[in-house]
């Protein structure tokens, strides 16, 4: 379970009807172990599904970026 994703959901809930800017940076899963690179996939899908189903992505530009991967 990715706690950062809970913070993102909470941010959208609290500021649902307000203009907002959020920059979230998450790297601890893949930072030290190649084996954990895909661990967050299901949680990311759940986050995006929840944001869409609750209407949080209306009038929203969502950018998901990645870096070079495991070092």
N, C-alpha and C. Protein backbone atom coordinates (compact mmCIF):
# COMPACT_ATOMS: atom_id res chain seq x y z
N UNK A 1 0.85 -1.19 0.00
CA UNK A 1 0.00 0.00 0.00
C UNK A 1 0.89 1.24 0.00
N UNK A 2 0.64 2.15 -0.91
CA UNK A 2 1.47 3.35 -1.07
C UNK A 2 0.83 4.52 -0.32
N UNK A 3 1.45 4.95 0.75
CA UNK A 3 0.89 6.02 1.58
C UNK A 3 0.86 7.35 0.83
N UNK A 4 1.82 7.59 -0.03
CA UNK A 4 1.84 8.83 -0.81
C UNK A 4 0.55 8.97 -1.61
N UNK A 5 0.04 7.87 -2.13
CA UNK A 5 -1.19 7.92 -2.92
C UNK A 5 -2.38 8.32 -2.04
N UNK A 6 -2.37 7.91 -0.78
CA UNK A 6 -3.43 8.33 0.16
C UNK A 6 -3.39 9.84 0.36
N UNK A 7 -2.20 10.39 0.44
CA UNK A 7 -2.05 11.85 0.61
C UNK A 7 -2.59 12.59 -0.63
N UNK A 8 -2.34 12.03 -1.79
CA UNK A 8 -2.84 12.65 -3.02
C UNK A 8 -4.36 12.62 -3.05
N UNK A 9 -4.97 11.47 -2.72
CA UNK A 9 -6.44 11.38 -2.66
C UNK A 9 -7.00 12.39 -1.66
N UNK A 10 -6.39 12.47 -0.50
CA UNK A 10 -6.84 13.41 0.54
C UNK A 10 -6.75 14.85 0.05
N UNK A 11 -5.69 15.19 -0.64
CA UNK A 11 -5.51 16.54 -1.18
C UNK A 11 -6.65 16.88 -2.13
N UNK A 12 -7.01 15.96 -3.01
CA UNK A 12 -8.11 16.19 -3.94
C UNK A 12 -9.44 16.30 -3.22
N UNK A 13 -9.63 15.52 -2.16
CA UNK A 13 -10.88 15.59 -1.39
C UNK A 13 -11.01 16.92 -0.67
N UNK A 14 -9.96 17.35 -0.02
CA UNK A 14 -10.00 18.59 0.77
C UNK A 14 -10.19 19.81 -0.12
N UNK A 15 -9.55 19.84 -1.26
CA UNK A 15 -9.60 21.01 -2.14
C UNK A 15 -10.39 20.73 -3.42
N UNK A 16 -11.43 19.93 -3.31
CA UNK A 16 -12.19 19.48 -4.50
C UNK A 16 -12.63 20.63 -5.39
N UNK A 17 -13.16 21.69 -4.83
CA UNK A 17 -13.72 22.78 -5.63
C UNK A 17 -12.81 24.00 -5.69
N UNK A 18 -11.54 23.81 -5.45
CA UNK A 18 -10.58 24.91 -5.47
C UNK A 18 -9.53 24.66 -6.55
N UNK A 19 -9.03 25.73 -7.16
CA UNK A 19 -7.88 25.55 -8.06
C UNK A 19 -6.71 25.01 -7.23
N UNK A 20 -5.96 24.12 -7.80
CA UNK A 20 -4.87 23.52 -7.03
C UNK A 20 -3.68 23.16 -7.91
N UNK A 21 -2.56 23.03 -7.25
CA UNK A 21 -1.34 22.55 -7.89
C UNK A 21 -0.70 21.59 -6.91
N UNK A 22 -0.37 20.41 -7.39
CA UNK A 22 0.26 19.39 -6.54
C UNK A 22 1.41 18.78 -7.31
N UNK A 23 2.56 18.75 -6.67
CA UNK A 23 3.72 18.05 -7.23
C UNK A 23 4.10 17.00 -6.20
N UNK A 24 3.90 15.75 -6.54
CA UNK A 24 4.21 14.66 -5.62
C UNK A 24 5.38 13.86 -6.20
N UNK A 25 6.34 13.58 -5.38
CA UNK A 25 7.54 12.86 -5.80
C UNK A 25 7.65 11.60 -4.97
N UNK A 26 7.71 10.47 -5.65
CA UNK A 26 7.73 9.19 -4.95
C UNK A 26 8.80 8.31 -5.56
N UNK A 27 9.78 7.92 -4.75
CA UNK A 27 10.84 7.10 -5.33
C UNK A 27 11.36 5.99 -4.42
N UNK A 28 10.86 5.88 -3.22
CA UNK A 28 11.50 4.93 -2.30
C UNK A 28 11.36 3.46 -2.69
N UNK A 29 10.33 3.12 -3.47
CA UNK A 29 10.19 1.70 -3.82
C UNK A 29 11.30 1.22 -4.74
N UNK A 30 11.61 1.98 -5.77
CA UNK A 30 12.59 1.51 -6.74
C UNK A 30 13.98 2.07 -6.51
N UNK A 31 14.14 2.87 -5.49
CA UNK A 31 15.43 3.53 -5.28
C UNK A 31 16.56 2.55 -5.00
N UNK A 32 16.31 1.57 -4.16
CA UNK A 32 17.39 0.67 -3.75
C UNK A 32 17.23 -0.78 -4.21
N UNK A 33 16.11 -1.12 -4.83
CA UNK A 33 15.92 -2.51 -5.22
C UNK A 33 15.18 -2.61 -6.54
N UNK A 34 15.78 -3.24 -7.50
CA UNK A 34 15.16 -3.44 -8.80
C UNK A 34 13.89 -4.29 -8.68
N UNK A 35 13.83 -5.18 -7.69
CA UNK A 35 12.70 -6.08 -7.53
C UNK A 35 11.40 -5.37 -7.18
N UNK A 36 11.45 -4.14 -6.70
CA UNK A 36 10.25 -3.43 -6.27
C UNK A 36 9.70 -2.47 -7.31
N UNK A 37 10.27 -2.43 -8.49
CA UNK A 37 9.88 -1.46 -9.51
C UNK A 37 8.38 -1.53 -9.83
N UNK A 38 7.80 -2.71 -9.94
CA UNK A 38 6.40 -2.87 -10.31
C UNK A 38 5.43 -2.95 -9.15
N UNK A 39 5.92 -2.83 -7.93
CA UNK A 39 5.06 -2.99 -6.76
C UNK A 39 3.92 -1.97 -6.71
N UNK A 40 4.15 -0.77 -7.18
CA UNK A 40 3.15 0.30 -7.07
C UNK A 40 2.13 0.30 -8.22
N UNK A 41 2.27 -0.58 -9.19
CA UNK A 41 1.40 -0.56 -10.36
C UNK A 41 -0.09 -0.63 -9.99
N UNK A 42 -0.47 -1.59 -9.19
CA UNK A 42 -1.88 -1.77 -8.83
C UNK A 42 -2.38 -0.56 -8.03
N UNK A 43 -1.54 -0.07 -7.11
CA UNK A 43 -1.94 1.09 -6.31
C UNK A 43 -2.11 2.33 -7.18
N UNK A 44 -1.28 2.49 -8.20
CA UNK A 44 -1.40 3.62 -9.11
C UNK A 44 -2.71 3.52 -9.91
N UNK A 45 -3.03 2.34 -10.39
CA UNK A 45 -4.29 2.15 -11.11
C UNK A 45 -5.46 2.48 -10.19
N UNK A 46 -5.40 2.02 -8.94
CA UNK A 46 -6.48 2.31 -7.98
C UNK A 46 -6.60 3.81 -7.73
N UNK A 47 -5.48 4.51 -7.60
CA UNK A 47 -5.50 5.96 -7.39
C UNK A 47 -6.17 6.66 -8.57
N UNK A 48 -5.74 6.33 -9.79
CA UNK A 48 -6.29 6.99 -10.97
C UNK A 48 -7.77 6.67 -11.15
N UNK A 49 -8.16 5.43 -10.87
CA UNK A 49 -9.58 5.04 -10.95
C UNK A 49 -10.41 5.83 -9.94
N UNK A 50 -9.91 5.94 -8.72
CA UNK A 50 -10.62 6.67 -7.67
C UNK A 50 -10.76 8.15 -8.04
N UNK A 51 -9.70 8.75 -8.54
CA UNK A 51 -9.76 10.17 -8.92
C UNK A 51 -10.78 10.38 -10.04
N UNK A 52 -10.80 9.48 -11.00
CA UNK A 52 -11.75 9.61 -12.11
C UNK A 52 -13.19 9.39 -11.65
N UNK A 53 -13.42 8.34 -10.89
CA UNK A 53 -14.78 8.01 -10.45
C UNK A 53 -15.38 9.08 -9.55
N UNK A 54 -14.55 9.80 -8.81
CA UNK A 54 -15.04 10.84 -7.91
C UNK A 54 -15.07 12.22 -8.57
N UNK A 55 -14.77 12.27 -9.86
CA UNK A 55 -14.86 13.53 -10.59
C UNK A 55 -13.71 14.49 -10.33
N UNK A 56 -12.65 14.02 -9.70
CA UNK A 56 -11.54 14.91 -9.39
C UNK A 56 -10.71 15.29 -10.61
N UNK A 57 -10.86 14.56 -11.69
CA UNK A 57 -10.06 14.84 -12.89
C UNK A 57 -10.79 15.74 -13.88
N UNK A 58 -11.98 16.20 -13.53
CA UNK A 58 -12.71 17.13 -14.38
C UNK A 58 -11.96 18.47 -14.36
N UNK A 59 -11.77 19.06 -15.52
CA UNK A 59 -11.05 20.34 -15.62
C UNK A 59 -9.66 20.25 -14.99
N UNK A 60 -9.02 19.13 -15.19
CA UNK A 60 -7.73 18.88 -14.55
C UNK A 60 -6.71 18.41 -15.59
N UNK A 61 -5.51 18.88 -15.45
CA UNK A 61 -4.40 18.38 -16.24
C UNK A 61 -3.55 17.53 -15.30
N UNK A 62 -3.46 16.26 -15.58
CA UNK A 62 -2.68 15.33 -14.75
C UNK A 62 -1.48 14.86 -15.56
N UNK A 63 -0.31 15.06 -15.02
CA UNK A 63 0.92 14.66 -15.69
C UNK A 63 1.63 13.65 -14.79
N UNK A 64 1.90 12.49 -15.32
CA UNK A 64 2.66 11.48 -14.59
C UNK A 64 3.99 11.32 -15.30
N UNK A 65 5.06 11.52 -14.55
CA UNK A 65 6.40 11.44 -15.14
C UNK A 65 7.19 10.30 -14.48
N UNK A 66 8.18 9.88 -15.19
CA UNK A 66 9.08 8.85 -14.66
C UNK A 66 10.51 9.26 -15.01
N UNK A 67 11.42 8.76 -14.23
CA UNK A 67 12.82 9.05 -14.56
C UNK A 67 13.42 7.81 -15.22
N UNK A 68 14.69 7.65 -15.12
CA UNK A 68 15.40 6.58 -15.79
C UNK A 68 15.18 5.21 -15.16
N UNK A 69 14.49 5.14 -14.04
CA UNK A 69 14.26 3.86 -13.39
C UNK A 69 15.28 3.57 -12.33
N UNK A 70 15.42 2.33 -12.02
CA UNK A 70 16.34 1.88 -10.96
C UNK A 70 17.76 2.27 -11.33
N UNK A 71 18.53 2.72 -10.34
CA UNK A 71 19.90 3.12 -10.67
C UNK A 71 20.82 1.99 -10.67
